Amino acid sequence: MSTTSAERAFFGVSALLFATSAVGTIVFCASMSAMGEMPMPGGWTMPMTWMRMPGQTWPGAAASFLCMWVVMMVAMMLPSLVPMLRRYRQAVDRPGEMRLGRLTALVGVGYFAVWTVFGMAAFPLGVALAGIEMLQPAGSLQLSGWKARHLACCREAPGAGRTQPADAGTAWRHGLRLGVHCSQCCVGLMAVLLVIGGMDLRAMAAVAAAITVERLAPAGERIARATGVVVVAAGLILIARAAGLR
């Protein structure tokens, strides 16, 4: 297979995976929307994502959430992950196209393995949410140096220009490192999504767009800070509404 054909196959598989996960996410969101939401002080609503269905055990509810979470993360994160995977493919020592495809898949599996662990932690956190105060610190994380450091790690090419060894262990570790930096970089926006969005398609699309733009745009750090200002302002408005202010 030629390099051009391999590149086309890579983008084709990525597009198919995105389309499949997007359809799955829409189906999950439609089923959650049919259950309604719980009204909360301040005019917002708590998604039923954090509630058990009649006759459902907590382990069953957690497993159902984790399934939805993984499908949702693939749909949300793949647009910003594909350019990173392409840079990995360009940086790795040429091992043959078939093996390169397997190594690329292994990087992706490692990346989403981190997001799966993140989802396992997110479910009990979501169940335990006590109020909308989480919105303000979540937004302020976007303005921190901690966020900027992890964002820089997400944006840089693997190996900083060095040729990468073409072996499974290196690919797996690269996927894990990328997933760790990405999940920590996104924790503020994900907290906002968990509190007010749940499986809401509009909230998910907004968060996915913000993540993709701050990863790929030339001024990614400034965009992340601007997003933080917007989230902080929105959080303060909701807190004021909850306190009865107009």
C-alpha atoms as a PDB file:
ATOM      1  CA  MET A   1       0.000   0.000   0.000  1.00  0.00           C
ATOM      2  CA  SER A   2       1.393   3.420  -0.952  1.00  0.00           C
ATOM      3  CA  THR A   3       1.826   6.230   1.561  1.00  0.00           C
ATOM      4  CA  THR A   4      -1.024   8.184  -0.051  1.00  0.00           C
ATOM      5  CA  SER A   5      -3.357   5.181   0.099  1.00  0.00           C
ATOM      6  CA  ALA A   6      -2.405   4.532   3.723  1.00  0.00           C
ATOM      7  CA  GLU A   7      -3.138   8.155   4.553  1.00  0.00           C
ATOM      8  CA  ARG A   8      -6.535   7.928   2.895  1.00  0.00           C
ATOM      9  CA  ALA A   9      -7.289   4.707   4.766  1.00  0.00           C
ATOM     10  CA  PHE A  10      -6.323   6.383   8.061  1.00  0.00           C
ATOM     11  CA  PHE A  11      -8.680   9.304   7.480  1.00  0.00           C
ATOM     12  CA  GLY A  12     -11.413   6.969   6.200  1.00  0.00           C
ATOM     13  CA  VAL A  13     -11.297   4.770   9.296  1.00  0.00           C
ATOM     14  CA  SER A  14     -11.223   7.871  11.509  1.00  0.00           C
ATOM     15  CA  ALA A  15     -14.271   9.313   9.731  1.00  0.00           C
ATOM     16  CA  LEU A  16     -16.157   6.023  10.042  1.00  0.00           C
ATOM     17  CA  LEU A  17     -15.326   5.759  13.751  1.00  0.00           C
ATOM     18  CA  PHE A  18     -16.435   9.346  14.313  1.00  0.00           C
ATOM     19  CA  ALA A  19     -19.704   8.826  12.430  1.00  0.00           C
ATOM     20  CA  THR A  20     -20.469   5.636  14.366  1.00  0.00           C
ATOM     21  CA  SER A  21     -19.732   7.227  17.741  1.00  0.00           C
ATOM     22  CA  ALA A  22     -21.717  10.348  16.819  1.00  0.00           C
ATOM     23  CA  VAL A  23     -24.771   8.249  15.921  1.00  0.00           C
ATOM     24  CA  GLY A  24     -24.389   6.291  19.159  1.00  0.00           C
ATOM     25  CA  THR A  25     -24.135   9.524  21.129  1.00  0.00           C
ATOM     26  CA  ILE A  26     -27.280  10.908  19.502  1.00  0.00           C
ATOM     27  CA  VAL A  27     -29.153   7.695  20.364  1.00  0.00           C
ATOM     28  CA  PHE A  28     -27.985   7.836  23.981  1.00  0.00           C
ATOM     29  CA  CYS A  29     -28.889  11.527  24.239  1.00  0.00           C
ATOM     30  CA  ALA A  30     -32.366  10.894  22.825  1.00  0.00           C
ATOM     31  CA  SER A  31     -32.986   8.138  25.372  1.00  0.00           C
ATOM     32  CA  MET A  32     -31.813  10.380  28.232  1.00  0.00           C
ATOM     33  CA  SER A  33     -33.884  13.332  27.010  1.00  0.00           C
ATOM     34  CA  ALA A  34     -36.985  11.155  27.035  1.00  0.00           C
ATOM     35  CA  MET A  35     -36.513  10.699  30.791  1.00  0.00           C
ATOM     36  CA  GLY A  36     -36.660  14.434  31.469  1.00  0.00           C
ATOM     37  CA  GLU A  37     -34.518  16.432  33.914  1.00  0.00           C
ATOM     38  CA  MET A  38     -34.752  17.459  37.556  1.00  0.00           C
ATOM     39  CA  PRO A  39     -35.416  21.215  38.104  1.00  0.00           C
ATOM     40  CA  MET A  40     -32.792  22.889  40.310  1.00  0.00           C
ATOM     41  CA  PRO A  41     -32.624  26.315  42.014  1.00  0.00           C
ATOM     42  CA  GLY A  42     -31.576  29.072  39.644  1.00  0.00           C
ATOM     43  CA  GLY A  43     -33.522  27.844  36.650  1.00  0.00           C
ATOM     44  CA  TRP A  44     -31.158  25.072  35.522  1.00  0.00           C
ATOM     45  CA  THR A  45     -31.832  21.347  35.513  1.00  0.00           C
ATOM     46  CA  MET A  46     -29.877  18.275  36.660  1.00  0.00           C
ATOM     47  CA  PRO A  47     -29.690  15.594  33.959  1.00  0.00           C
ATOM     48  CA  MET A  48     -31.077  12.155  34.787  1.00  0.00           C
ATOM     49  CA  THR A  49     -27.671  10.733  33.915  1.00  0.00           C
ATOM     50  CA  TRP A  50     -26.896  10.703  37.635  1.00  0.00           C
ATOM     51  CA  MET A  51     -30.100   8.901  38.682  1.00  0.00           C
ATOM     52  CA  ARG A  52     -30.834   5.191  38.898  1.00  0.00           C
ATOM     53  CA  MET A  53     -33.662   3.886  36.782  1.00  0.00           C
ATOM     54  CA  PRO A  54     -36.432   1.889  38.542  1.00  0.00           C
ATOM     55  CA  GLY A  55     -35.129  -1.570  39.381  1.00  0.00           C
ATOM     56  CA  GLN A  56     -31.559  -0.670  38.393  1.00  0.00           C
ATOM     57  CA  THR A  57     -28.638  -1.268  40.761  1.00  0.00           C
ATOM     58  CA  TRP A  58     -25.863   1.270  41.263  1.00  0.00           C
ATOM     59  CA  PRO A  59     -23.293  -1.029  39.545  1.00  0.00           C
ATOM     60  CA  GLY A  60     -25.711  -1.361  36.627  1.00  0.00           C
ATOM     61  CA  ALA A  61     -26.186   2.404  36.488  1.00  0.00           C
ATOM     62  CA  ALA A  62     -22.395   2.906  36.570  1.00  0.00           C
ATOM     63  CA  ALA A  63     -21.868   0.383  33.758  1.00  0.00           C
ATOM     64  CA  SER A  64     -24.560   2.053  31.644  1.00  0.00           C
ATOM     65  CA  PHE A  65     -22.985   5.458  32.228  1.00  0.00           C
ATOM     66  CA  LEU A  66     -19.516   4.182  31.352  1.00  0.00           C
ATOM     67  CA  CYS A  67     -20.785   2.776  28.058  1.00  0.00           C
ATOM     68  CA  MET A  68     -22.384   6.127  27.205  1.00  0.00           C
ATOM     69  CA  TRP A  69     -19.240   7.953  28.340  1.00  0.00           C
ATOM     70  CA  VAL A  70     -16.852   6.006  26.104  1.00  0.00           C
ATOM     71  CA  VAL A  71     -19.054   6.488  23.024  1.00  0.00           C
ATOM     72  CA  MET A  72     -19.442  10.193  23.846  1.00  0.00           C
ATOM     73  CA  MET A  73     -15.681  10.684  24.364  1.00  0.00           C
ATOM     74  CA  VAL A  74     -14.856   9.117  21.001  1.00  0.00           C
ATOM     75  CA  ALA A  75     -17.296  11.474  19.286  1.00  0.00           C
ATOM     76  CA  MET A  76     -16.069  14.540  21.206  1.00  0.00           C
ATOM     77  CA  MET A  77     -12.317  13.951  21.246  1.00  0.00           C
ATOM     78  CA  LEU A  78     -11.647  12.321  17.875  1.00  0.00           C
ATOM     79  CA  PRO A  79     -11.683  15.605  15.870  1.00  0.00           C
ATOM     80  CA  SER A  80      -8.786  16.934  17.958  1.00  0.00           C
ATOM     81  CA  LEU A  81      -7.077  13.535  18.289  1.00  0.00           C
ATOM     82  CA  VAL A  82      -6.810  12.756  14.554  1.00  0.00           C
ATOM     83  CA  PRO A  83      -4.210  15.506  13.861  1.00  0.00           C
ATOM     84  CA  MET A  84      -2.169  14.228  16.827  1.00  0.00           C
ATOM     85  CA  LEU A  85      -2.326  10.671  15.509  1.00  0.00           C
ATOM     86  CA  ARG A  86      -1.272  11.914  12.080  1.00  0.00           C
ATOM     87  CA  ARG A  87       1.758  13.641  13.631  1.00  0.00           C
ATOM     88  CA  TYR A  88       2.577  10.386  15.420  1.00  0.00           C
ATOM     89  CA  ARG A  89       2.413   8.498  12.110  1.00  0.00           C
ATOM     90  CA  GLN A  90       4.820  11.024  10.588  1.00  0.00           C
ATOM     91  CA  ALA A  91       7.221  10.848  13.543  1.00  0.00           C
ATOM     92  CA  VAL A  92       7.417   7.080  13.927  1.00  0.00           C
ATOM     93  CA  ASP A  93      10.238   5.147  12.263  1.00  0.00           C
ATOM     94  CA  ARG A  94       8.687   3.676   9.073  1.00  0.00           C
ATOM     95  CA  PRO A  95       7.729   0.113  10.064  1.00  0.00           C
ATOM     96  CA  GLY A  96       5.581  -0.849   7.067  1.00  0.00           C
ATOM     97  CA  GLU A  97       2.058   0.410   6.506  1.00  0.00           C
ATOM     98  CA  MET A  98       0.178  -2.502   8.107  1.00  0.00           C
ATOM     99  CA  ARG A  99       2.216  -2.303  11.281  1.00  0.00           C
ATOM    100  CA  LEU A 100       1.966   1.482  11.310  1.00  0.00           C
ATOM    101  CA  GLY A 101      -1.825   1.128  11.272  1.00  0.00           C
ATOM    102  CA  ARG A 102      -1.697  -1.221  14.261  1.00  0.00           C
ATOM    103  CA  LEU A 103       0.620   1.105  16.170  1.00  0.00           C
ATOM    104  CA  THR A 104      -1.659   4.080  15.437  1.00  0.00           C
ATOM    105  CA  ALA A 105      -4.654   2.096  16.703  1.00  0.00           C
ATOM    106  CA  LEU A 106      -2.697   1.227  19.848  1.00  0.00           C
ATOM    107  CA  VAL A 107      -1.988   4.899  20.512  1.00  0.00           C
ATOM    108  CA  GLY A 108      -5.726   5.597  20.162  1.00  0.00           C
ATOM    109  CA  VAL A 109      -6.657   2.725  22.483  1.00  0.00           C
ATOM    110  CA  GLY A 110      -4.190   3.981  25.099  1.00  0.00           C
ATOM    111  CA  TYR A 111      -5.595   7.500  24.767  1.00  0.00           C
ATOM    112  CA  PHE A 112      -9.198   6.413  25.253  1.00  0.00           C
ATOM    113  CA  ALA A 113      -8.223   4.011  28.050  1.00  0.00           C
ATOM    114  CA  VAL A 114      -7.298   7.103  30.074  1.00  0.00           C
ATOM    115  CA  TRP A 115     -10.660   8.694  29.258  1.00  0.00           C
ATOM    116  CA  THR A 116     -12.397   5.472  30.352  1.00  0.00           C
ATOM    117  CA  VAL A 117     -10.696   5.678  33.742  1.00  0.00           C
ATOM    118  CA  PHE A 118     -11.701   9.349  33.856  1.00  0.00           C
ATOM    119  CA  GLY A 119     -15.315   8.293  33.251  1.00  0.00           C
ATOM    120  CA  MET A 120     -15.146   5.721  36.059  1.00  0.00           C
ATOM    121  CA  ALA A 121     -14.212   8.563  38.399  1.00  0.00           C
ATOM    122  CA  ALA A 122     -16.728  10.972  36.862  1.00  0.00           C
ATOM    123  CA  PHE A 123     -19.795   8.865  37.669  1.00  0.00           C
ATOM    124  CA  PRO A 124     -19.521   8.929  41.491  1.00  0.00           C
ATOM    125  CA  LEU A 125     -18.487  12.575  41.247  1.00  0.00           C
ATOM    126  CA  GLY A 126     -21.595  13.386  39.224  1.00  0.00           C
ATOM    127  CA  VAL A 127     -23.822  11.475  41.645  1.00  0.00           C
ATOM    128  CA  ALA A 128     -22.321  13.431  44.555  1.00  0.00           C
ATOM    129  CA  LEU A 129     -22.717  16.903  43.013  1.00  0.00           C
ATOM    130  CA  ALA A 130     -24.221  19.197  45.633  1.00  0.00           C
ATOM    131  CA  GLY A 131     -24.702  22.456  43.732  1.00  0.00           C
ATOM    132  CA  ILE A 132     -23.703  24.662  40.852  1.00  0.00           C
ATOM    133  CA  GLU A 133     -20.791  26.199  42.763  1.00  0.00           C
ATOM    134  CA  MET A 134     -18.540  23.815  40.792  1.00  0.00           C
ATOM    135  CA  LEU A 135     -19.033  25.952  37.701  1.00  0.00           C
ATOM    136  CA  GLN A 136     -16.895  28.818  38.929  1.00  0.00           C
ATOM    137  CA  PRO A 137     -13.715  26.901  39.866  1.00  0.00           C
ATOM    138  CA  ALA A 138     -14.091  24.788  36.741  1.00  0.00           C
ATOM    139  CA  GLY A 139     -13.994  27.938  34.648  1.00  0.00           C
ATOM    140  CA  SER A 140     -11.050  29.381  36.564  1.00  0.00           C
ATOM    141  CA  LEU A 141      -8.991  26.267  35.726  1.00  0.00           C
ATOM    142  CA  GLN A 142      -9.011  27.461  32.114  1.00  0.00           C
ATOM    143  CA  LEU A 143      -7.025  30.515  33.224  1.00  0.00           C
ATOM    144  CA  SER A 144      -4.355  28.658  35.190  1.00  0.00           C
ATOM    145  CA  GLY A 145      -0.733  27.903  34.352  1.00  0.00           C
ATOM    146  CA  TRP A 146      -1.532  24.244  35.092  1.00  0.00           C
ATOM    147  CA  LYS A 147      -3.998  24.257  32.193  1.00  0.00           C
ATOM    148  CA  ALA A 148      -1.471  26.009  29.937  1.00  0.00           C
ATOM    149  CA  ARG A 149       1.231  23.386  30.643  1.00  0.00           C
ATOM    150  CA  HIS A 150      -1.033  20.440  29.826  1.00  0.00           C
ATOM    151  CA  LEU A 151      -2.405  22.199  26.745  1.00  0.00           C
ATOM    152  CA  ALA A 152       1.149  22.726  25.484  1.00  0.00           C
ATOM    153  CA  CYS A 153       1.833  19.002  25.912  1.00  0.00           C
ATOM    154  CA  CYS A 154      -1.319  18.179  23.939  1.00  0.00           C
ATOM    155  CA  ARG A 155      -0.382  20.530  21.108  1.00  0.00           C
ATOM    156  CA  GLU A 156       3.266  19.549  20.585  1.00  0.00           C
ATOM    157  CA  ALA A 157       4.334  16.863  18.147  1.00  0.00           C
ATOM    158  CA  PRO A 158       5.529  13.536  19.631  1.00  0.00           C
ATOM    159  CA  GLY A 159       9.202  13.374  20.442  1.00  0.00           C
ATOM    160  CA  ALA A 160       9.787  17.053  19.645  1.00  0.00           C
ATOM    161  CA  GLY A 161      11.064  16.228  16.163  1.00  0.00           C
ATOM    162  CA  ARG A 162      12.821  12.943  17.000  1.00  0.00           C
ATOM    163  CA  THR A 163      12.018   9.763  15.101  1.00  0.00           C
ATOM    164  CA  GLN A 164       9.964   7.458  17.312  1.00  0.00           C
ATOM    165  CA  PRO A 165      10.688   3.711  17.668  1.00  0.00           C
ATOM    166  CA  ALA A 166       8.149   1.583  15.797  1.00  0.00           C
ATOM    167  CA  ASP A 167       7.172  -0.759  18.637  1.00  0.00           C
ATOM    168  CA  ALA A 168       3.935  -1.486  20.483  1.00  0.00           C
ATOM    169  CA  GLY A 169       5.232  -0.468  23.926  1.00  0.00           C
ATOM    170  CA  THR A 170       6.233   3.007  22.737  1.00  0.00           C
ATOM    171  CA  ALA A 171       2.899   3.456  20.928  1.00  0.00           C
ATOM    172  CA  TRP A 172       0.911   2.392  24.004  1.00  0.00           C
ATOM    173  CA  ARG A 173       2.884   4.686  26.319  1.00  0.00           C
ATOM    174  CA  HIS A 174       2.502   7.568  23.882  1.00  0.00           C
ATOM    175  CA  GLY A 175      -1.286   7.058  23.835  1.00  0.00           C
ATOM    176  CA  LEU A 176      -1.410   6.933  27.634  1.00  0.00           C
ATOM    177  CA  ARG A 177       0.699  10.093  28.003  1.00  0.00           C
ATOM    178  CA  LEU A 178      -1.446  11.894  25.457  1.00  0.00           C
ATOM    179  CA  GLY A 179      -4.615  10.774  27.243  1.00  0.00           C
ATOM    180  CA  VAL A 180      -3.314  11.852  30.657  1.00  0.00           C
ATOM    181  CA  HIS A 181      -2.334  15.322  29.440  1.00  0.00           C
ATOM    182  CA  CYS A 182      -5.566  15.698  27.476  1.00  0.00           C
ATOM    183  CA  SER A 183      -7.853  14.590  30.321  1.00  0.00           C
ATOM    184  CA  GLN A 184      -6.125  16.929  32.773  1.00  0.00           C
ATOM    185  CA  CYS A 185      -6.214  19.741  30.228  1.00  0.00           C
ATOM    186  CA  CYS A 186      -9.971  19.221  29.736  1.00  0.00           C
ATOM    187  CA  VAL A 187     -10.980  18.717  33.368  1.00  0.00           C
ATOM    188  CA  GLY A 188     -12.475  22.204  33.736  1.00  0.00           C
ATOM    189  CA  LEU A 189     -14.630  21.969  30.621  1.00  0.00           C
ATOM    190  CA  MET A 190     -15.634  18.394  31.472  1.00  0.00           C
ATOM    191  CA  ALA A 191     -16.725  19.493  34.956  1.00  0.00           C
ATOM    192  CA  VAL A 192     -19.011  22.063  33.360  1.00  0.00           C
ATOM    193  CA  LEU A 193     -20.399  19.407  31.017  1.00  0.00           C
ATOM    194  CA  LEU A 194     -21.027  16.983  33.885  1.00  0.00           C
ATOM    195  CA  VAL A 195     -22.792  19.599  36.012  1.00  0.00           C
ATOM    196  CA  ILE A 196     -25.107  21.201  33.477  1.00  0.00           C
ATOM    197  CA  GLY A 197     -24.860  19.203  30.270  1.00  0.00           C
ATOM    198  CA  GLY A 198     -24.867  15.505  30.948  1.00  0.00           C
ATOM    199  CA  MET A 199     -25.921  13.952  27.655  1.00  0.00           C
ATOM    200  CA  ASP A 200     -27.138  17.246  26.177  1.00  0.00           C
ATOM    201  CA  LEU A 201     -26.062  17.440  22.528  1.00  0.00           C
ATOM    202  CA  ARG A 202     -25.728  21.235  22.496  1.00  0.00           C
ATOM    203  CA  ALA A 203     -23.503  21.281  25.589  1.00  0.00           C
ATOM    204  CA  MET A 204     -21.425  18.403  24.227  1.00  0.00           C
ATOM    205  CA  ALA A 205     -21.002  20.115  20.853  1.00  0.00           C
ATOM    206  CA  ALA A 206     -19.937  23.371  22.531  1.00  0.00           C
ATOM    207  CA  VAL A 207     -17.381  21.634  24.763  1.00  0.00           C
ATOM    208  CA  ALA A 208     -16.064  19.507  21.875  1.00  0.00           C
ATOM    209  CA  ALA A 209     -15.682  22.615  19.703  1.00  0.00           C
ATOM    210  CA  ALA A 210     -13.846  24.475  22.491  1.00  0.00           C
ATOM    211  CA  ILE A 211     -11.476  21.535  23.024  1.00  0.00           C
ATOM    212  CA  THR A 212     -10.778  21.143  19.301  1.00  0.00           C
ATOM    213  CA  VAL A 213     -10.149  24.853  18.724  1.00  0.00           C
ATOM    214  CA  GLU A 214      -7.806  25.276  21.684  1.00  0.00           C
ATOM    215  CA  ARG A 215      -5.845  22.199  20.493  1.00  0.00           C
ATOM    216  CA  LEU A 216      -5.519  23.138  16.834  1.00  0.00           C
ATOM    217  CA  ALA A 217      -5.782  26.935  16.527  1.00  0.00           C
ATOM    218  CA  PRO A 218      -2.501  28.909  16.501  1.00  0.00           C
ATOM    219  CA  ALA A 219      -3.589  30.964  19.542  1.00  0.00           C
ATOM    220  CA  GLY A 220      -4.824  27.986  21.553  1.00  0.00           C
ATOM    221  CA  GLU A 221      -3.753  29.268  24.982  1.00  0.00           C
ATOM    222  CA  ARG A 222      -5.526  32.613  24.500  1.00  0.00           C
ATOM    223  CA  ILE A 223      -8.657  30.794  23.318  1.00  0.00           C
ATOM    224  CA  ALA A 224      -8.564  28.583  26.438  1.00  0.00           C
ATOM    225  CA  ARG A 225      -8.390  31.672  28.659  1.00  0.00           C
ATOM    226  CA  ALA A 226     -11.236  33.346  26.804  1.00  0.00           C
ATOM    227  CA  THR A 227     -13.328  30.200  27.264  1.00  0.00           C
ATOM    228  CA  GLY A 228     -12.512  30.286  30.982  1.00  0.00           C
ATOM    229  CA  VAL A 229     -13.735  33.873  31.278  1.00  0.00           C
ATOM    230  CA  VAL A 230     -17.021  32.923  29.591  1.00  0.00           C
ATOM    231  CA  VAL A 231     -17.511  29.888  31.856  1.00  0.00           C
ATOM    232  CA  VAL A 232     -16.738  31.859  35.022  1.00  0.00           C
ATOM    233  CA  ALA A 233     -19.207  34.560  33.994  1.00  0.00           C
ATOM    234  CA  ALA A 234     -21.892  31.962  33.247  1.00  0.00           C
ATOM    235  CA  GLY A 235     -21.269  30.293  36.609  1.00  0.00           C
ATOM    236  CA  LEU A 236     -21.608  33.577  38.488  1.00  0.00           C
ATOM    237  CA  ILE A 237     -24.859  34.342  36.671  1.00  0.00           C
ATOM    238  CA  LEU A 238     -26.333  30.940  37.617  1.00  0.00           C
ATOM    239  CA  ILE A 239     -25.203  31.341  41.230  1.00  0.00           C
ATOM    240  CA  ALA A 240     -26.870  34.773  41.340  1.00  0.00           C
ATOM    241  CA  ARG A 241     -30.074  33.321  39.897  1.00  0.00           C
ATOM    242  CA  ALA A 242     -30.015  30.539  42.476  1.00  0.00           C
ATOM    243  CA  ALA A 243     -29.709  33.189  45.206  1.00  0.00           C
ATOM    244  CA  GLY A 244     -32.808  34.935  43.879  1.00  0.00           C
ATOM    245  CA  LEU A 245     -31.011  37.888  42.252  1.00  0.00           C
ATOM    246  CA  ARG A 246     -32.106  39.289  38.887  1.00  0.00           C
END
